[in-house]
Amino acid sequence: PHAAFFVTAEAFLAAREFLPACGIPISPAWTRRGVEALMFFRDPSGNLIELFCREGVPGADQLPKSGPAGHGRTVDLDGLWYDKWSLPV
């Protein structure tokens, strides 16, 4: 189970920069049809969060593709756990 949020391309790209700068692991971005972009990360309590951008992410057509029903083998969810994080300096 996870929570999913629709985000703009700008917010998607900002999250891909900000979260790793805080020490929070993120999944590789992927797509289902080459238009949208998706990613996972966990909040500090371990809840799985999905960001879904319907369109506008540059290079979305080149992202790894998953099936229409999920992330399949594209994402290692176990690799998203972490113990510490901090705001970037």
N, C-alpha and C. Protein backbone atom coordinates (compact mmCIF):
# COMPACT_ATOMS: atom_id res chain seq x y z
N PRO A 1 0.83 -1.20 0.00
CA PRO A 1 0.00 0.00 0.00
C PRO A 1 0.87 1.26 0.00
N HIS A 2 0.36 2.28 -0.62
CA HIS A 2 1.08 3.55 -0.68
C HIS A 2 0.10 4.69 -0.95
N ALA A 3 0.58 5.90 -0.75
CA ALA A 3 -0.18 7.09 -1.10
C ALA A 3 0.41 7.65 -2.39
N ALA A 4 -0.44 8.13 -3.28
CA ALA A 4 0.03 8.70 -4.55
C ALA A 4 -0.49 10.12 -4.68
N PHE A 5 0.36 10.95 -5.25
CA PHE A 5 0.02 12.36 -5.46
C PHE A 5 0.32 12.75 -6.89
N PHE A 6 -0.63 13.45 -7.53
CA PHE A 6 -0.38 14.04 -8.83
C PHE A 6 0.42 15.32 -8.62
N VAL A 7 1.48 15.50 -9.39
CA VAL A 7 2.32 16.69 -9.27
C VAL A 7 2.61 17.25 -10.66
N THR A 8 3.00 18.50 -10.70
CA THR A 8 3.42 19.11 -11.96
C THR A 8 4.82 18.62 -12.31
N ALA A 9 5.22 18.84 -13.54
CA ALA A 9 6.58 18.48 -13.95
C ALA A 9 7.61 19.22 -13.12
N GLU A 10 7.35 20.48 -12.83
CA GLU A 10 8.29 21.27 -12.02
C GLU A 10 8.43 20.68 -10.63
N ALA A 11 7.33 20.30 -10.00
CA ALA A 11 7.38 19.72 -8.66
C ALA A 11 8.06 18.35 -8.69
N PHE A 12 7.81 17.57 -9.73
CA PHE A 12 8.44 16.26 -9.87
C PHE A 12 9.96 16.42 -9.94
N LEU A 13 10.43 17.31 -10.79
CA LEU A 13 11.87 17.52 -10.95
C LEU A 13 12.47 18.11 -9.68
N ALA A 14 11.76 19.00 -9.01
CA ALA A 14 12.27 19.57 -7.76
C ALA A 14 12.40 18.50 -6.68
N ALA A 15 11.43 17.59 -6.59
CA ALA A 15 11.49 16.51 -5.61
C ALA A 15 12.68 15.59 -5.89
N ARG A 16 12.97 15.36 -7.18
CA ARG A 16 14.09 14.48 -7.54
C ARG A 16 15.43 15.10 -7.15
N GLU A 17 15.48 16.41 -6.98
CA GLU A 17 16.70 17.07 -6.51
C GLU A 17 16.71 17.22 -4.99
N PHE A 18 15.58 17.65 -4.42
CA PHE A 18 15.52 17.98 -3.00
C PHE A 18 15.63 16.75 -2.10
N LEU A 19 14.89 15.69 -2.40
CA LEU A 19 14.88 14.53 -1.52
C LEU A 19 16.27 13.90 -1.36
N PRO A 20 17.01 13.63 -2.44
CA PRO A 20 18.37 13.09 -2.25
C PRO A 20 19.29 14.07 -1.51
N ALA A 21 19.09 15.37 -1.70
CA ALA A 21 19.90 16.36 -0.97
C ALA A 21 19.64 16.26 0.54
N CYS A 22 18.50 15.73 0.93
CA CYS A 22 18.16 15.52 2.34
C CYS A 22 18.60 14.14 2.83
N GLY A 23 19.17 13.33 1.95
CA GLY A 23 19.57 11.98 2.32
C GLY A 23 18.45 10.96 2.21
N ILE A 24 17.39 11.32 1.51
CA ILE A 24 16.24 10.43 1.34
C ILE A 24 16.36 9.73 -0.01
N PRO A 25 16.45 8.39 0.01
CA PRO A 25 16.56 7.68 -1.26
C PRO A 25 15.28 7.78 -2.08
N ILE A 26 15.44 7.89 -3.38
CA ILE A 26 14.30 7.92 -4.30
C ILE A 26 14.48 6.80 -5.32
N SER A 27 13.39 6.37 -5.89
CA SER A 27 13.45 5.36 -6.93
C SER A 27 13.89 6.01 -8.24
N PRO A 28 14.36 5.21 -9.16
CA PRO A 28 14.52 5.75 -10.51
C PRO A 28 13.14 6.18 -11.02
N ALA A 29 13.12 7.18 -11.86
CA ALA A 29 11.86 7.57 -12.50
C ALA A 29 11.52 6.52 -13.55
N TRP A 30 10.24 6.31 -13.77
CA TRP A 30 9.81 5.39 -14.82
C TRP A 30 8.53 5.91 -15.44
N THR A 31 8.09 5.24 -16.49
CA THR A 31 6.89 5.64 -17.21
C THR A 31 6.08 4.40 -17.55
N ARG A 32 4.85 4.61 -17.91
CA ARG A 32 4.01 3.50 -18.38
C ARG A 32 3.83 3.55 -19.89
N ARG A 33 3.66 4.77 -20.43
CA ARG A 33 3.41 4.91 -21.86
C ARG A 33 4.36 5.88 -22.54
N GLY A 34 5.36 6.38 -21.82
CA GLY A 34 6.31 7.30 -22.42
C GLY A 34 5.90 8.76 -22.36
N VAL A 35 4.82 9.06 -21.64
CA VAL A 35 4.36 10.43 -21.50
C VAL A 35 4.46 10.88 -20.04
N GLU A 36 3.96 10.05 -19.14
CA GLU A 36 3.96 10.38 -17.73
C GLU A 36 5.28 9.96 -17.09
N ALA A 37 5.54 10.48 -15.90
CA ALA A 37 6.72 10.09 -15.13
C ALA A 37 6.28 9.80 -13.70
N LEU A 38 6.84 8.74 -13.12
CA LEU A 38 6.48 8.32 -11.78
C LEU A 38 7.74 8.07 -10.97
N MET A 39 7.63 8.17 -9.65
CA MET A 39 8.73 7.84 -8.76
C MET A 39 8.17 7.50 -7.38
N PHE A 40 8.97 6.77 -6.60
CA PHE A 40 8.63 6.44 -5.22
C PHE A 40 9.68 6.99 -4.28
N PHE A 41 9.27 7.24 -3.04
CA PHE A 41 10.17 7.48 -1.92
C PHE A 41 9.38 7.16 -0.66
N ARG A 42 10.05 7.14 0.47
CA ARG A 42 9.38 6.89 1.75
C ARG A 42 9.47 8.13 2.62
N ASP A 43 8.42 8.37 3.41
CA ASP A 43 8.52 9.46 4.38
C ASP A 43 9.31 8.94 5.58
N PRO A 44 9.65 9.80 6.55
CA PRO A 44 10.48 9.35 7.67
C PRO A 44 9.87 8.22 8.50
N SER A 45 8.55 8.04 8.44
CA SER A 45 7.91 6.93 9.16
C SER A 45 7.89 5.64 8.36
N GLY A 46 8.38 5.68 7.11
CA GLY A 46 8.43 4.49 6.28
C GLY A 46 7.27 4.32 5.32
N ASN A 47 6.32 5.25 5.33
CA ASN A 47 5.20 5.15 4.40
C ASN A 47 5.68 5.37 2.97
N LEU A 48 5.21 4.55 2.05
CA LEU A 48 5.61 4.65 0.66
C LEU A 48 4.77 5.72 -0.05
N ILE A 49 5.46 6.65 -0.72
CA ILE A 49 4.82 7.76 -1.42
C ILE A 49 5.16 7.65 -2.90
N GLU A 50 4.17 7.81 -3.75
CA GLU A 50 4.37 7.85 -5.20
C GLU A 50 4.06 9.25 -5.70
N LEU A 51 4.94 9.79 -6.53
CA LEU A 51 4.66 11.03 -7.23
C LEU A 51 4.37 10.68 -8.68
N PHE A 52 3.29 11.20 -9.20
CA PHE A 52 2.84 10.89 -10.55
C PHE A 52 2.68 12.20 -11.32
N CYS A 53 3.46 12.38 -12.36
CA CYS A 53 3.35 13.55 -13.22
C CYS A 53 2.77 13.11 -14.55
N ARG A 54 1.63 13.61 -14.91
CA ARG A 54 0.92 13.17 -16.11
C ARG A 54 1.64 13.51 -17.41
N GLU A 55 2.37 14.64 -17.43
CA GLU A 55 3.08 15.04 -18.64
C GLU A 55 4.02 16.19 -18.34
N GLY A 56 4.96 16.40 -19.24
CA GLY A 56 5.82 17.56 -19.14
C GLY A 56 7.22 17.32 -18.61
N VAL A 57 7.53 16.11 -18.14
CA VAL A 57 8.88 15.83 -17.68
C VAL A 57 9.77 15.56 -18.90
N PRO A 58 10.81 16.37 -19.10
CA PRO A 58 11.68 16.14 -20.25
C PRO A 58 12.27 14.73 -20.22
N GLY A 59 12.26 14.06 -21.36
CA GLY A 59 12.83 12.72 -21.47
C GLY A 59 11.94 11.61 -20.97
N ALA A 60 10.69 11.89 -20.66
CA ALA A 60 9.78 10.85 -20.17
C ALA A 60 9.67 9.69 -21.15
N ASP A 61 9.79 9.98 -22.44
CA ASP A 61 9.69 8.92 -23.44
C ASP A 61 10.90 7.98 -23.42
N GLN A 62 11.96 8.38 -22.72
CA GLN A 62 13.17 7.56 -22.64
C GLN A 62 13.28 6.81 -21.30
N LEU A 63 12.33 7.03 -20.39
CA LEU A 63 12.38 6.36 -19.09
C LEU A 63 12.06 4.88 -19.22
N PRO A 64 12.54 4.06 -18.27
CA PRO A 64 12.16 2.64 -18.28
C PRO A 64 10.65 2.52 -18.18
N LYS A 65 10.09 1.54 -18.89
CA LYS A 65 8.64 1.36 -18.92
C LYS A 65 8.22 0.19 -18.04
N SER A 66 7.08 0.39 -17.37
CA SER A 66 6.45 -0.68 -16.61
C SER A 66 5.09 -0.95 -17.23
N GLY A 67 4.45 -1.98 -16.78
CA GLY A 67 3.12 -2.28 -17.27
C GLY A 67 2.11 -1.28 -16.77
N PRO A 68 0.90 -1.30 -17.30
CA PRO A 68 -0.12 -0.33 -16.91
C PRO A 68 -0.60 -0.48 -15.47
N ALA A 69 -0.35 -1.63 -14.84
CA ALA A 69 -0.89 -1.87 -13.50
C ALA A 69 0.12 -1.60 -12.39
N GLY A 70 1.34 -1.21 -12.68
CA GLY A 70 2.26 -0.99 -11.58
C GLY A 70 3.69 -0.83 -12.01
N HIS A 71 4.58 -0.83 -11.03
CA HIS A 71 5.99 -0.57 -11.27
C HIS A 71 6.76 -1.81 -11.69
N GLY A 72 6.17 -2.99 -11.52
CA GLY A 72 6.81 -4.23 -11.97
C GLY A 72 8.22 -4.38 -11.45
N ARG A 73 9.15 -4.71 -12.30
CA ARG A 73 10.55 -4.90 -11.91
C ARG A 73 11.35 -3.61 -12.03
N THR A 74 10.71 -2.51 -12.32
CA THR A 74 11.39 -1.24 -12.55
C THR A 74 11.95 -0.64 -11.27
N VAL A 75 11.31 -0.87 -10.13
CA VAL A 75 11.67 -0.19 -8.88
C VAL A 75 11.98 -1.19 -7.77
N ASP A 76 13.10 -0.95 -7.06
CA ASP A 76 13.47 -1.74 -5.88
C ASP A 76 12.93 -1.02 -4.65
N LEU A 77 11.76 -1.39 -4.19
CA LEU A 77 11.14 -0.72 -3.05
C LEU A 77 11.93 -0.92 -1.77
N ASP A 78 12.62 -2.05 -1.64
CA ASP A 78 13.42 -2.30 -0.44
C ASP A 78 14.59 -1.34 -0.32
N GLY A 79 15.05 -0.79 -1.42
CA GLY A 79 16.16 0.14 -1.40
C GLY A 79 15.79 1.55 -0.97
N LEU A 80 14.53 1.77 -0.63
CA LEU A 80 14.06 3.11 -0.27
C LEU A 80 14.00 3.35 1.23
N TRP A 81 14.43 2.38 2.04
CA TRP A 81 14.43 2.57 3.50
C TRP A 81 15.63 3.42 3.90
N TYR A 82 15.49 4.22 4.95
CA TYR A 82 16.58 5.03 5.49
C TYR A 82 16.35 5.28 6.96
N ASP A 83 17.42 5.58 7.68
CA ASP A 83 17.34 5.82 9.12
C ASP A 83 17.49 7.29 9.48
N LYS A 84 18.24 8.04 8.67
CA LYS A 84 18.51 9.44 8.98
C LYS A 84 18.28 10.29 7.75
N TRP A 85 17.91 11.52 8.00
CA TRP A 85 17.80 12.52 6.94
C TRP A 85 18.02 13.89 7.57
N SER A 86 18.31 14.87 6.78
CA SER A 86 18.46 16.23 7.27
C SER A 86 18.22 17.20 6.13
N LEU A 87 17.85 18.40 6.49
CA LEU A 87 17.68 19.42 5.46
C LEU A 87 19.05 19.79 4.89
N PRO A 88 19.12 20.08 3.59
CA PRO A 88 20.41 20.47 3.01
C PRO A 88 20.89 21.79 3.61
N VAL A 89 22.19 21.92 3.68
CA VAL A 89 22.79 23.15 4.23
C VAL A 89 22.81 24.23 3.18
